Amino acid sequence: MSNHELLEVLTKALPYVERAYECAFPDQAQNDYLAQNIKDAIEEIVMYCKDPDASAMRVLQQQGYNNIKMTGHKFFMCGDNDVYARGFTAYTKDSILVKGCVCSGINKGYTIRFE
């Protein structure tokens, strides 16, 4: 399945997922928590399919890096549970060149690892 096809399927599935959680747990707070996690995971996959570097770029900018250049997928730099590994070079606020990788997985935060 191409990225475009996957994106289309996930976008169409999101409204069904948002309604399906309502009967998962008797406690509304648990339902809301589950629904938000599922929605966040689908939105992250959709974003990754549209532009795999966009999330990594956003994380690096939020941490104060500039002149960021994305260098593609980085094999073996992230943990076993990470499905997202985007390499980069960037400058710190003190103009020091750094190289590394932004790692992430479904329903977890981002980690910046340096070479």
PDB file of N, CA and C in Angstrom:
ATOM      1  N   MET A   1       0.858  -1.173   0.000  1.00  0.00           N
ATOM      2  CA  MET A   1       0.000   0.000   0.000  1.00  0.00           C
ATOM      3  C   MET A   1       0.901   1.231   0.000  1.00  0.00           C
ATOM      4  N   SER A   2       0.626   2.152  -0.878  1.00  0.00           N
ATOM      5  CA  SER A   2       1.427   3.370  -0.962  1.00  0.00           C
ATOM      6  C   SER A   2       1.088   4.311   0.202  1.00  0.00           C
ATOM      7  N   ASN A   3       1.956   5.285   0.444  1.00  0.00           N
ATOM      8  CA  ASN A   3       1.687   6.276   1.491  1.00  0.00           C
ATOM      9  C   ASN A   3       0.390   7.013   1.225  1.00  0.00           C
ATOM     10  N   HIS A   4       0.138   7.337  -0.040  1.00  0.00           N
ATOM     11  CA  HIS A   4      -1.086   8.049  -0.396  1.00  0.00           C
ATOM     12  C   HIS A   4      -2.320   7.206  -0.066  1.00  0.00           C
ATOM     13  N   GLU A   5      -2.281   5.913  -0.396  1.00  0.00           N
ATOM     14  CA  GLU A   5      -3.410   5.021  -0.096  1.00  0.00           C
ATOM     15  C   GLU A   5      -3.602   4.865   1.411  1.00  0.00           C
ATOM     16  N   LEU A   6      -2.494   4.706   2.142  1.00  0.00           N
ATOM     17  CA  LEU A   6      -2.575   4.585   3.596  1.00  0.00           C
ATOM     18  C   LEU A   6      -3.159   5.844   4.215  1.00  0.00           C
ATOM     19  N   LEU A   7      -2.720   6.980   3.753  1.00  0.00           N
ATOM     20  CA  LEU A   7      -3.233   8.258   4.235  1.00  0.00           C
ATOM     21  C   LEU A   7      -4.733   8.360   4.003  1.00  0.00           C
ATOM     22  N   GLU A   8      -5.183   7.967   2.834  1.00  0.00           N
ATOM     23  CA  GLU A   8      -6.607   8.020   2.502  1.00  0.00           C
ATOM     24  C   GLU A   8      -7.422   7.085   3.402  1.00  0.00           C
ATOM     25  N   VAL A   9      -6.935   5.872   3.626  1.00  0.00           N
ATOM     26  CA  VAL A   9      -7.638   4.899   4.469  1.00  0.00           C
ATOM     27  C   VAL A   9      -7.729   5.409   5.909  1.00  0.00           C
ATOM     28  N   LEU A  10      -6.623   5.897   6.445  1.00  0.00           N
ATOM     29  CA  LEU A  10      -6.619   6.369   7.835  1.00  0.00           C
ATOM     30  C   LEU A  10      -7.504   7.593   8.018  1.00  0.00           C
ATOM     31  N   THR A  11      -7.487   8.490   7.064  1.00  0.00           N
ATOM     32  CA  THR A  11      -8.331   9.677   7.143  1.00  0.00           C
ATOM     33  C   THR A  11      -9.807   9.294   7.129  1.00  0.00           C
ATOM     34  N   LYS A  12     -10.169   8.330   6.297  1.00  0.00           N
ATOM     35  CA  LYS A  12     -11.559   7.866   6.261  1.00  0.00           C
ATOM     36  C   LYS A  12     -11.942   7.097   7.527  1.00  0.00           C
ATOM     37  N   ALA A  13     -10.991   6.402   8.137  1.00  0.00           N
ATOM     38  CA  ALA A  13     -11.275   5.583   9.320  1.00  0.00           C
ATOM     39  C   ALA A  13     -11.435   6.410  10.590  1.00  0.00           C
ATOM     40  N   LEU A  14     -10.835   7.574  10.652  1.00  0.00           N
ATOM     41  CA  LEU A  14     -10.823   8.367  11.884  1.00  0.00           C
ATOM     42  C   LEU A  14     -12.214   8.628  12.461  1.00  0.00           C
ATOM     43  N   PRO A  15     -13.216   9.035  11.689  1.00  0.00           N
ATOM     44  CA  PRO A  15     -14.543   9.267  12.285  1.00  0.00           C
ATOM     45  C   PRO A  15     -15.152   8.002  12.904  1.00  0.00           C
ATOM     46  N   TYR A  16     -14.893   6.846  12.303  1.00  0.00           N
ATOM     47  CA  TYR A  16     -15.420   5.591  12.849  1.00  0.00           C
ATOM     48  C   TYR A  16     -14.730   5.246  14.169  1.00  0.00           C
ATOM     49  N   VAL A  17     -13.420   5.482  14.222  1.00  0.00           N
ATOM     50  CA  VAL A  17     -12.664   5.216  15.449  1.00  0.00           C
ATOM     51  C   VAL A  17     -13.140   6.139  16.558  1.00  0.00           C
ATOM     52  N   GLU A  18     -13.386   7.408  16.231  1.00  0.00           N
ATOM     53  CA  GLU A  18     -13.825   8.364  17.241  1.00  0.00           C
ATOM     54  C   GLU A  18     -15.162   7.952  17.864  1.00  0.00           C
ATOM     55  N   ARG A  19     -16.035   7.302  17.090  1.00  0.00           N
ATOM     56  CA  ARG A  19     -17.331   6.870  17.626  1.00  0.00           C
ATOM     57  C   ARG A  19     -17.248   5.507  18.301  1.00  0.00           C
ATOM     58  N   ALA A  20     -16.307   4.663  17.873  1.00  0.00           N
ATOM     59  CA  ALA A  20     -16.234   3.289  18.386  1.00  0.00           C
ATOM     60  C   ALA A  20     -15.821   3.225  19.855  1.00  0.00           C
ATOM     61  N   TYR A  21     -15.037   4.168  20.319  1.00  0.00           N
ATOM     62  CA  TYR A  21     -14.547   4.109  21.693  1.00  0.00           C
ATOM     63  C   TYR A  21     -15.673   4.257  22.715  1.00  0.00           C
ATOM     64  N   GLU A  22     -16.798   4.805  22.320  1.00  0.00           N
ATOM     65  CA  GLU A  22     -17.861   5.134  23.265  1.00  0.00           C
ATOM     66  C   GLU A  22     -18.389   3.928  24.033  1.00  0.00           C
ATOM     67  N   CYS A  23     -18.242   2.732  23.489  1.00  0.00           N
ATOM     68  CA  CYS A  23     -18.741   1.545  24.199  1.00  0.00           C
ATOM     69  C   CYS A  23     -17.600   0.700  24.753  1.00  0.00           C
ATOM     70  N   ALA A  24     -16.376   1.173  24.689  1.00  0.00           N
ATOM     71  CA  ALA A  24     -15.235   0.374  25.127  1.00  0.00           C
ATOM     72  C   ALA A  24     -15.183   0.191  26.648  1.00  0.00           C
ATOM     73  N   PHE A  25     -15.439   1.241  27.421  1.00  0.00           N
ATOM     74  CA  PHE A  25     -15.346   1.183  28.875  1.00  0.00           C
ATOM     75  C   PHE A  25     -16.591   1.819  29.489  1.00  0.00           C
ATOM     76  N   PRO A  26     -17.009   1.317  30.651  1.00  0.00           N
ATOM     77  CA  PRO A  26     -18.155   1.950  31.299  1.00  0.00           C
ATOM     78  C   PRO A  26     -17.833   3.344  31.849  1.00  0.00           C
ATOM     79  N   ASP A  27     -16.586   3.603  32.140  1.00  0.00           N
ATOM     80  CA  ASP A  27     -16.167   4.887  32.692  1.00  0.00           C
ATOM     81  C   ASP A  27     -15.875   5.870  31.550  1.00  0.00           C
ATOM     82  N   GLN A  28     -16.559   6.999  31.531  1.00  0.00           N
ATOM     83  CA  GLN A  28     -16.396   7.980  30.451  1.00  0.00           C
ATOM     84  C   GLN A  28     -14.977   8.521  30.374  1.00  0.00           C
ATOM     85  N   ALA A  29     -14.310   8.678  31.510  1.00  0.00           N
ATOM     86  CA  ALA A  29     -12.937   9.191  31.505  1.00  0.00           C
ATOM     87  C   ALA A  29     -12.007   8.228  30.761  1.00  0.00           C
ATOM     88  N   GLN A  30     -12.212   6.925  30.969  1.00  0.00           N
ATOM     89  CA  GLN A  30     -11.400   5.935  30.248  1.00  0.00           C
ATOM     90  C   GLN A  30     -11.696   5.983  28.751  1.00  0.00           C
ATOM     91  N   ASN A  31     -12.964   6.142  28.396  1.00  0.00           N
ATOM     92  CA  ASN A  31     -13.337   6.261  26.991  1.00  0.00           C
ATOM     93  C   ASN A  31     -12.675   7.470  26.350  1.00  0.00           C
ATOM     94  N   ASP A  32     -12.712   8.603  27.031  1.00  0.00           N
ATOM     95  CA  ASP A  32     -12.114   9.828  26.500  1.00  0.00           C
ATOM     96  C   ASP A  32     -10.599   9.663  26.324  1.00  0.00           C
ATOM     97  N   TYR A  33      -9.958   9.040  27.322  1.00  0.00           N
ATOM     98  CA  TYR A  33      -8.513   8.810  27.267  1.00  0.00           C
ATOM     99  C   TYR A  33      -8.157   7.907  26.081  1.00  0.00           C
ATOM    100  N   LEU A  34      -8.887   6.815  25.927  1.00  0.00           N
ATOM    101  CA  LEU A  34      -8.648   5.883  24.831  1.00  0.00           C
ATOM    102  C   LEU A  34      -8.875   6.557  23.479  1.00  0.00           C
ATOM    103  N   ALA A  35      -9.951   7.292  23.374  1.00  0.00           N
ATOM    104  CA  ALA A  35     -10.266   7.970  22.112  1.00  0.00           C
ATOM    105  C   ALA A  35      -9.165   8.948  21.733  1.00  0.00           C
ATOM    106  N   GLN A  36      -8.674   9.709  22.702  1.00  0.00           N
ATOM    107  CA  GLN A  36      -7.626  10.695  22.414  1.00  0.00           C
ATOM    108  C   GLN A  36      -6.338  10.006  21.981  1.00  0.00           C
ATOM    109  N   ASN A  37      -5.976   8.901  22.643  1.00  0.00           N
ATOM    110  CA  ASN A  37      -4.759   8.176  22.268  1.00  0.00           C
ATOM    111  C   ASN A  37      -4.850   7.610  20.856  1.00  0.00           C
ATOM    112  N   ILE A  38      -6.001   7.041  20.514  1.00  0.00           N
ATOM    113  CA  ILE A  38      -6.187   6.486  19.175  1.00  0.00           C
ATOM    114  C   ILE A  38      -6.152   7.603  18.134  1.00  0.00           C
ATOM    115  N   LYS A  39      -6.845   8.684  18.428  1.00  0.00           N
ATOM    116  CA  LYS A  39      -6.866   9.818  17.497  1.00  0.00           C
ATOM    117  C   LYS A  39      -5.465  10.386  17.304  1.00  0.00           C
ATOM    118  N   ASP A  40      -4.715  10.548  18.394  1.00  0.00           N
ATOM    119  CA  ASP A  40      -3.347  11.068  18.294  1.00  0.00           C
ATOM    120  C   ASP A  40      -2.465  10.146  17.457  1.00  0.00           C
ATOM    121  N   ALA A  41      -2.599   8.833  17.658  1.00  0.00           N
ATOM    122  CA  ALA A  41      -1.787   7.875  16.902  1.00  0.00           C
ATOM    123  C   ALA A  41      -2.103   7.949  15.409  1.00  0.00           C
ATOM    124  N   ILE A  42      -3.385   8.001  15.066  1.00  0.00           N
ATOM    125  CA  ILE A  42      -3.773   8.075  13.652  1.00  0.00           C
ATOM    126  C   ILE A  42      -3.289   9.387  13.040  1.00  0.00           C
ATOM    127  N   GLU A  43      -3.444  10.485  13.759  1.00  0.00           N
ATOM    128  CA  GLU A  43      -3.001  11.773  13.228  1.00  0.00           C
ATOM    129  C   GLU A  43      -1.490  11.797  13.028  1.00  0.00           C
ATOM    130  N   GLU A  44      -0.743  11.156  13.924  1.00  0.00           N
ATOM    131  CA  GLU A  44       0.711  11.104  13.792  1.00  0.00           C
ATOM    132  C   GLU A  44       1.105  10.273  12.568  1.00  0.00           C
ATOM    133  N   ILE A  45       0.417   9.162  12.347  1.00  0.00           N
ATOM    134  CA  ILE A  45       0.695   8.337  11.168  1.00  0.00           C
ATOM    135  C   ILE A  45       0.364   9.113   9.899  1.00  0.00           C
ATOM    136  N   VAL A  46      -0.764   9.806   9.910  1.00  0.00           N
ATOM    137  CA  VAL A  46      -1.155  10.600   8.747  1.00  0.00           C
ATOM    138  C   VAL A  46      -0.107  11.680   8.474  1.00  0.00           C
ATOM    139  N   MET A  47       0.354  12.365   9.515  1.00  0.00           N
ATOM    140  CA  MET A  47       1.365  13.411   9.345  1.00  0.00           C
ATOM    141  C   MET A  47       2.658  12.810   8.792  1.00  0.00           C
ATOM    142  N   TYR A  48       3.039  11.645   9.323  1.00  0.00           N
ATOM    143  CA  TYR A  48       4.262  11.005   8.860  1.00  0.00           C
ATOM    144  C   TYR A  48       4.162  10.638   7.381  1.00  0.00           C
ATOM    145  N   CYS A  49       2.994  10.154   6.961  1.00  0.00           N
ATOM    146  CA  CYS A  49       2.808   9.781   5.551  1.00  0.00           C
ATOM    147  C   CYS A  49       2.868  11.007   4.649  1.00  0.00           C
ATOM    148  N   LYS A  50       2.340  12.123   5.115  1.00  0.00           N
ATOM    149  CA  LYS A  50       2.359  13.343   4.307  1.00  0.00           C
ATOM    150  C   LYS A  50       3.772  13.896   4.190  1.00  0.00           C
ATOM    151  N   ASP A  51       4.474  13.982   5.310  1.00  0.00           N
ATOM    152  CA  ASP A  51       5.816  14.569   5.323  1.00  0.00           C
ATOM    153  C   ASP A  51       6.593  13.983   6.500  1.00  0.00           C
ATOM    154  N   PRO A  52       7.397  12.955   6.256  1.00  0.00           N
ATOM    155  CA  PRO A  52       8.086  12.286   7.361  1.00  0.00           C
ATOM    156  C   PRO A  52       9.047  13.180   8.142  1.00  0.00           C
ATOM    157  N   ASP A  53       9.519  14.257   7.526  1.00  0.00           N
ATOM    158  CA  ASP A  53      10.455  15.141   8.219  1.00  0.00           C
ATOM    159  C   ASP A  53       9.769  16.230   9.043  1.00  0.00           C
ATOM    160  N   ALA A  54       8.470  16.448   8.840  1.00  0.00           N
ATOM    161  CA  ALA A  54       7.784  17.571   9.481  1.00  0.00           C
ATOM    162  C   ALA A  54       7.797  17.469  11.005  1.00  0.00           C
ATOM    163  N   SER A  55       7.522  16.301  11.550  1.00  0.00           N
ATOM    164  CA  SER A  55       7.499  16.147  13.011  1.00  0.00           C
ATOM    165  C   SER A  55       8.881  16.368  13.605  1.00  0.00           C
ATOM    166  N   ALA A  56       9.891  15.780  12.986  1.00  0.00           N
ATOM    167  CA  ALA A  56      11.257  15.945  13.497  1.00  0.00           C
ATOM    168  C   ALA A  56      11.680  17.408  13.437  1.00  0.00           C
ATOM    169  N   MET A  57      11.357  18.067  12.357  1.00  0.00           N
ATOM    170  CA  MET A  57      11.699  19.483  12.207  1.00  0.00           C
ATOM    171  C   MET A  57      11.034  20.303  13.310  1.00  0.00           C
ATOM    172  N   ARG A  58       9.758  20.032  13.595  1.00  0.00           N
ATOM    173  CA  ARG A  58       9.029  20.755  14.634  1.00  0.00           C
ATOM    174  C   ARG A  58       9.683  20.542  16.005  1.00  0.00           C
ATOM    175  N   VAL A  59      10.032  19.300  16.313  1.00  0.00           N
ATOM    176  CA  VAL A  59      10.664  18.993  17.602  1.00  0.00           C
ATOM    177  C   VAL A  59      11.991  19.724  17.735  1.00  0.00           C
ATOM    178  N   LEU A  60      12.799  19.695  16.695  1.00  0.00           N
ATOM    179  CA  LEU A  60      14.109  20.356  16.745  1.00  0.00           C
ATOM    180  C   LEU A  60      13.977  21.872  16.879  1.00  0.00           C
ATOM    181  N   GLN A  61      13.023  22.466  16.165  1.00  0.00           N
ATOM    182  CA  GLN A  61      12.790  23.905  16.284  1.00  0.00           C
ATOM    183  C   GLN A  61      12.330  24.271  17.691  1.00  0.00           C
ATOM    184  N   GLN A  62      11.464  23.444  18.281  1.00  0.00           N
ATOM    185  CA  GLN A  62      10.985  23.714  19.645  1.00  0.00           C
ATOM    186  C   GLN A  62      12.128  23.655  20.660  1.00  0.00           C
ATOM    187  N   GLN A  63      13.163  22.876  20.355  1.00  0.00           N
ATOM    188  CA  GLN A  63      14.306  22.759  21.256  1.00  0.00           C
ATOM    189  C   GLN A  63      15.392  23.793  20.977  1.00  0.00           C
ATOM    190  N   GLY A  64      15.127  24.704  20.032  1.00  0.00           N
ATOM    191  CA  GLY A  64      16.036  25.823  19.804  1.00  0.00           C
ATOM    192  C   GLY A  64      17.093  25.619  18.734  1.00  0.00           C
ATOM    193  N   TYR A  65      17.018  24.528  17.976  1.00  0.00           N
ATOM    194  CA  TYR A  65      17.987  24.314  16.905  1.00  0.00           C
ATOM    195  C   TYR A  65      17.608  25.148  15.685  1.00  0.00           C
ATOM    196  N   ASN A  66      18.623  25.500  14.871  1.00  0.00           N
ATOM    197  CA  ASN A  66      18.354  26.273  13.660  1.00  0.00           C
ATOM    198  C   ASN A  66      19.208  25.738  12.516  1.00  0.00           C
ATOM    199  N   ASN A  67      18.966  26.270  11.321  1.00  0.00           N
ATOM    200  CA  ASN A  67      19.641  25.776  10.111  1.00  0.00           C
ATOM    201  C   ASN A  67      19.572  24.255  10.034  1.00  0.00           C
ATOM    202  N   ILE A  68      18.394  23.719  10.263  1.00  0.00           N
ATOM    203  CA  ILE A  68      18.171  22.271  10.326  1.00  0.00           C
ATOM    204  C   ILE A  68      18.116  21.704   8.917  1.00  0.00           C
ATOM    205  N   LYS A  69      18.855  20.637   8.703  1.00  0.00           N
ATOM    206  CA  LYS A  69      18.804  19.899   7.443  1.00  0.00           C
ATOM    207  C   LYS A  69      18.459  18.446   7.781  1.00  0.00           C
ATOM    208  N   MET A  70      17.389  17.950   7.192  1.00  0.00           N
ATOM    209  CA  MET A  70      16.978  16.571   7.422  1.00  0.00           C
ATOM    210  C   MET A  70      17.788  15.668   6.489  1.00  0.00           C
ATOM    211  N   THR A  71      18.256  14.526   7.017  1.00  0.00           N
ATOM    212  CA  THR A  71      19.150  13.648   6.261  1.00  0.00           C
ATOM    213  C   THR A  71      18.545  12.269   5.987  1.00  0.00           C
ATOM    214  N   GLY A  72      17.241  12.111   6.233  1.00  0.00           N
ATOM    215  CA  GLY A  72      16.583  10.848   5.896  1.00  0.00           C
ATOM    216  C   GLY A  72      16.514   9.881   7.064  1.00  0.00           C
ATOM    217  N   HIS A  73      16.055   8.675   6.754  1.00  0.00           N
ATOM    218  CA  HIS A  73      15.877   7.646   7.777  1.00  0.00           C
ATOM    219  C   HIS A  73      17.228   7.207   8.322  1.00  0.00           C
ATOM    220  N   LYS A  74      17.298   7.013   9.639  1.00  0.00           N
ATOM    221  CA  LYS A  74      18.531   6.572  10.291  1.00  0.00           C
ATOM    222  C   LYS A  74      18.301   5.186  10.882  1.00  0.00           C
ATOM    223  N   PHE A  75      18.909   4.193  10.287  1.00  0.00           N
ATOM    224  CA  PHE A  75      18.788   2.832  10.787  1.00  0.00           C
ATOM    225  C   PHE A  75      19.623   2.657  12.049  1.00  0.00           C
ATOM    226  N   PHE A  76      19.114   1.919  12.997  1.00  0.00           N
ATOM    227  CA  PHE A  76      19.833   1.478  14.198  1.00  0.00           C
ATOM    228  C   PHE A  76      20.190   2.588  15.185  1.00  0.00           C
ATOM    229  N   MET A  77      19.609   3.776  15.075  1.00  0.00           N
ATOM    230  CA  MET A  77      19.901   4.836  16.042  1.00  0.00           C
ATOM    231  C   MET A  77      18.859   4.934  17.139  1.00  0.00           C
ATOM    232  N   CYS A  78      17.704   4.313  16.948  1.00  0.00           N
ATOM    233  CA  CYS A  78      16.607   4.459  17.900  1.00  0.00           C
ATOM    234  C   CYS A  78      16.333   3.150  18.623  1.00  0.00           C
ATOM    235  N   GLY A  79      15.416   3.210  19.585  1.00  0.00           N
ATOM    236  CA  GLY A  79      15.079   2.042  20.385  1.00  0.00           C
ATOM    237  C   GLY A  79      14.190   1.049  19.643  1.00  0.00           C
ATOM    238  N   ASP A  80      14.011  -0.114  20.242  1.00  0.00           N
ATOM    239  CA  ASP A  80      13.209  -1.184  19.642  1.00  0.00           C
ATOM    240  C   ASP A  80      11.751  -0.784  19.431  1.00  0.00           C
ATOM    241  N   ASN A  81      11.207   0.065  20.288  1.00  0.00           N
ATOM    242  CA  ASN A  81       9.803   0.470  20.178  1.00  0.00           C
ATOM    243  C   ASN A  81       9.592   1.699  19.295  1.00  0.00           C
ATOM    244  N   ASP A  82      10.670   2.228  18.747  1.00  0.00           N
ATOM    245  CA  ASP A  82      10.557   3.399  17.877  1.00  0.00           C
ATOM    246  C   ASP A  82      10.301   2.958  16.445  1.00  0.00           C
ATOM    247  N   VAL A  83       9.368   3.643  15.800  1.00  0.00           N
ATOM    248  CA  VAL A  83       9.075   3.367  14.392  1.00  0.00           C
ATOM    249  C   VAL A  83       9.461   4.560  13.518  1.00  0.00           C
ATOM    250  N   TYR A  84       9.913   5.605  14.146  1.00  0.00           N
ATOM    251  CA  TYR A  84      10.218   6.870  13.491  1.00  0.00           C
ATOM    252  C   TYR A  84      11.661   7.211  13.805  1.00  0.00           C
ATOM    253  N   ALA A  85      12.499   7.376  12.784  1.00  0.00           N
ATOM    254  CA  ALA A  85      13.907   7.678  13.000  1.00  0.00           C
ATOM    255  C   ALA A  85      14.387   8.575  11.855  1.00  0.00           C
ATOM    256  N   ARG A  86      14.403   9.876  12.086  1.00  0.00           N
ATOM    257  CA  ARG A  86      14.774  10.835  11.044  1.00  0.00           C
ATOM    258  C   ARG A  86      16.074  11.541  11.418  1.00  0.00           C
ATOM    259  N   GLY A  87      17.073  11.388  10.562  1.00  0.00           N
ATOM    260  CA  GLY A  87      18.370  11.996  10.795  1.00  0.00           C
ATOM    261  C   GLY A  87      18.367  13.491  10.505  1.00  0.00           C
ATOM    262  N   PHE A  88      19.319  14.188  11.116  1.00  0.00           N
ATOM    263  CA  PHE A  88      19.413  15.634  10.916  1.00  0.00           C
ATOM    264  C   PHE A  88      20.811  16.138  11.206  1.00  0.00           C
ATOM    265  N   THR A  89      21.101  17.322  10.681  1.00  0.00           N
ATOM    266  CA  THR A  89      22.201  18.157  11.136  1.00  0.00           C
ATOM    267  C   THR A  89      21.577  19.502  11.472  1.00  0.00           C
ATOM    268  N   ALA A  90      22.111  20.165  12.481  1.00  0.00           N
ATOM    269  CA  ALA A  90      21.558  21.448  12.898  1.00  0.00           C
ATOM    270  C   ALA A  90      22.603  22.196  13.723  1.00  0.00           C
ATOM    271  N   TYR A  91      22.288  23.451  13.984  1.00  0.00           N
ATOM    272  CA  TYR A  91      23.144  24.270  14.832  1.00  0.00           C
ATOM    273  C   TYR A  91      22.416  24.609  16.123  1.00  0.00           C
ATOM    274  N   THR A  92      23.164  24.577  17.227  1.00  0.00           N
ATOM    275  CA  THR A  92      22.610  24.984  18.512  1.00  0.00           C
ATOM    276  C   THR A  92      22.524  26.502  18.560  1.00  0.00           C
ATOM    277  N   LYS A  93      21.933  27.025  19.626  1.00  0.00           N
ATOM    278  CA  LYS A  93      21.851  28.484  19.765  1.00  0.00           C
ATOM    279  C   LYS A  93      23.237  29.112  19.913  1.00  0.00           C
ATOM    280  N   ASP A  94      24.260  28.280  20.264  1.00  0.00           N
ATOM    281  CA  ASP A  94      25.637  28.758  20.378  1.00  0.00           C
ATOM    282  C   ASP A  94      26.439  28.505  19.105  1.00  0.00           C
ATOM    283  N   SER A  95      25.744  28.199  18.004  1.00  0.00           N
ATOM    284  CA  SER A  95      26.351  27.977  16.682  1.00  0.00           C
ATOM    285  C   SER A  95      27.262  26.754  16.623  1.00  0.00           C
ATOM    286  N   ILE A  96      26.938  25.736  17.399  1.00  0.00           N
ATOM    287  CA  ILE A  96      27.688  24.483  17.363  1.00  0.00           C
ATOM    288  C   ILE A  96      26.925  23.496  16.475  1.00  0.00           C
ATOM    289  N   LEU A  97      27.637  22.901  15.510  1.00  0.00           N
ATOM    290  CA  LEU A  97      27.022  21.919  14.613  1.00  0.00           C
ATOM    291  C   LEU A  97      26.823  20.598  15.348  1.00  0.00           C
ATOM    292  N   VAL A  98      25.608  20.066  15.279  1.00  0.00           N
ATOM    293  CA  VAL A  98      25.304  18.764  15.865  1.00  0.00           C
ATOM    294  C   VAL A  98      24.679  17.875  14.796  1.00  0.00           C
ATOM    295  N   LYS A  99      24.880  16.570  14.938  1.00  0.00           N
ATOM    296  CA  LYS A  99      24.281  15.570  14.052  1.00  0.00           C
ATOM    297  C   LYS A  99      23.578  14.556  14.932  1.00  0.00           C
ATOM    298  N   GLY A 100      22.432  14.089  14.445  1.00  0.00           N
ATOM    299  CA  GLY A 100      21.721  13.113  15.245  1.00  0.00           C
ATOM    300  C   GLY A 100      20.477  12.597  14.574  1.00  0.00           C
ATOM    301  N   CYS A 101      19.538  12.182  15.419  1.00  0.00           N
ATOM    302  CA  CYS A 101      18.328  11.534  14.952  1.00  0.00           C
ATOM    303  C   CYS A 101      17.188  11.858  15.914  1.00  0.00           C
ATOM    304  N   VAL A 102      16.012  12.089  15.356  1.00  0.00           N
ATOM    305  CA  VAL A 102      14.804  12.250  16.167  1.00  0.00           C
ATOM    306  C   VAL A 102      14.061  10.919  16.101  1.00  0.00           C
ATOM    307  N   CYS A 103      13.789  10.338  17.271  1.00  0.00           N
ATOM    308  CA  CYS A 103      13.144   9.035  17.361  1.00  0.00           C
ATOM    309  C   CYS A 103      11.765   9.168  17.998  1.00  0.00           C
ATOM    310  N   SER A 104      10.851   8.296  17.595  1.00  0.00           N
ATOM    311  CA  SER A 104       9.528   8.269  18.206  1.00  0.00           C
ATOM    312  C   SER A 104       8.843   6.962  17.841  1.00  0.00           C
ATOM    313  N   GLY A 105       7.782   6.668  18.576  1.00  0.00           N
ATOM    314  CA  GLY A 105       6.967   5.500  18.305  1.00  0.00           C
ATOM    315  C   GLY A 105       5.509   5.866  18.446  1.00  0.00           C
ATOM    316  N   ILE A 106       4.658   4.920  18.152  1.00  0.00           N
ATOM    317  CA  ILE A 106       3.225   5.149  18.260  1.00  0.00           C
ATOM    318  C   ILE A 106       2.878   5.418  19.723  1.00  0.00           C
ATOM    319  N   ASN A 107       2.181   6.523  19.951  1.00  0.00           N
ATOM    320  CA  ASN A 107       1.678   6.882  21.273  1.00  0.00           C
ATOM    321  C   ASN A 107       2.786   7.104  22.301  1.00  0.00           C
ATOM    322  N   LYS A 108       3.898   7.706  21.875  1.00  0.00           N
ATOM    323  CA  LYS A 108       4.968   8.085  22.800  1.00  0.00           C
ATOM    324  C   LYS A 108       5.606   9.365  22.304  1.00  0.00           C
ATOM    325  N   GLY A 109       6.371   9.978  23.127  1.00  0.00           N
ATOM    326  CA  GLY A 109       6.992  11.241  22.783  1.00  0.00           C
ATOM    327  C   GLY A 109       8.190  11.080  21.865  1.00  0.00           C
ATOM    328  N   TYR A 110       8.909  12.169  21.680  1.00  0.00           N
ATOM    329  CA  TYR A 110      10.074  12.194  20.806  1.00  0.00           C
ATOM    330  C   TYR A 110      11.340  12.199  21.644  1.00  0.00           C
ATOM    331  N   THR A 111      12.387  11.591  21.090  1.00  0.00           N
ATOM    332  CA  THR A 111      13.709  11.589  21.708  1.00  0.00           C
ATOM    333  C   THR A 111      14.706  12.072  20.664  1.00  0.00           C
ATOM    334  N   ILE A 112      15.586  12.983  21.057  1.00  0.00           N
ATOM    335  CA  ILE A 112      16.655  13.425  20.172  1.00  0.00           C
ATOM    336  C   ILE A 112      17.921  12.684  20.610  1.00  0.00           C
ATOM    337  N   ARG A 113      18.505  11.961  19.671  1.00  0.00           N
ATOM    338  CA  ARG A 113      19.759  11.247  19.936  1.00  0.00           C
ATOM    339  C   ARG A 113      20.850  11.847  19.058  1.00  0.00           C
ATOM    340  N   PHE A 114      22.046  11.935  19.633  1.00  0.00           N
ATOM    341  CA  PHE A 114      23.166  12.554  18.922  1.00  0.00           C
ATOM    342  C   PHE A 114      24.202  11.517  18.544  1.00  0.00           C
ATOM    343  N   GLU A 115      24.853  11.758  17.397  1.00  0.00           N
ATOM    344  CA  GLU A 115      25.935  10.859  16.951  1.00  0.00           C
ATOM    345  C   GLU A 115      27.168  11.114  17.761  1.00  0.00           C
TER     346      GLU A 115
END
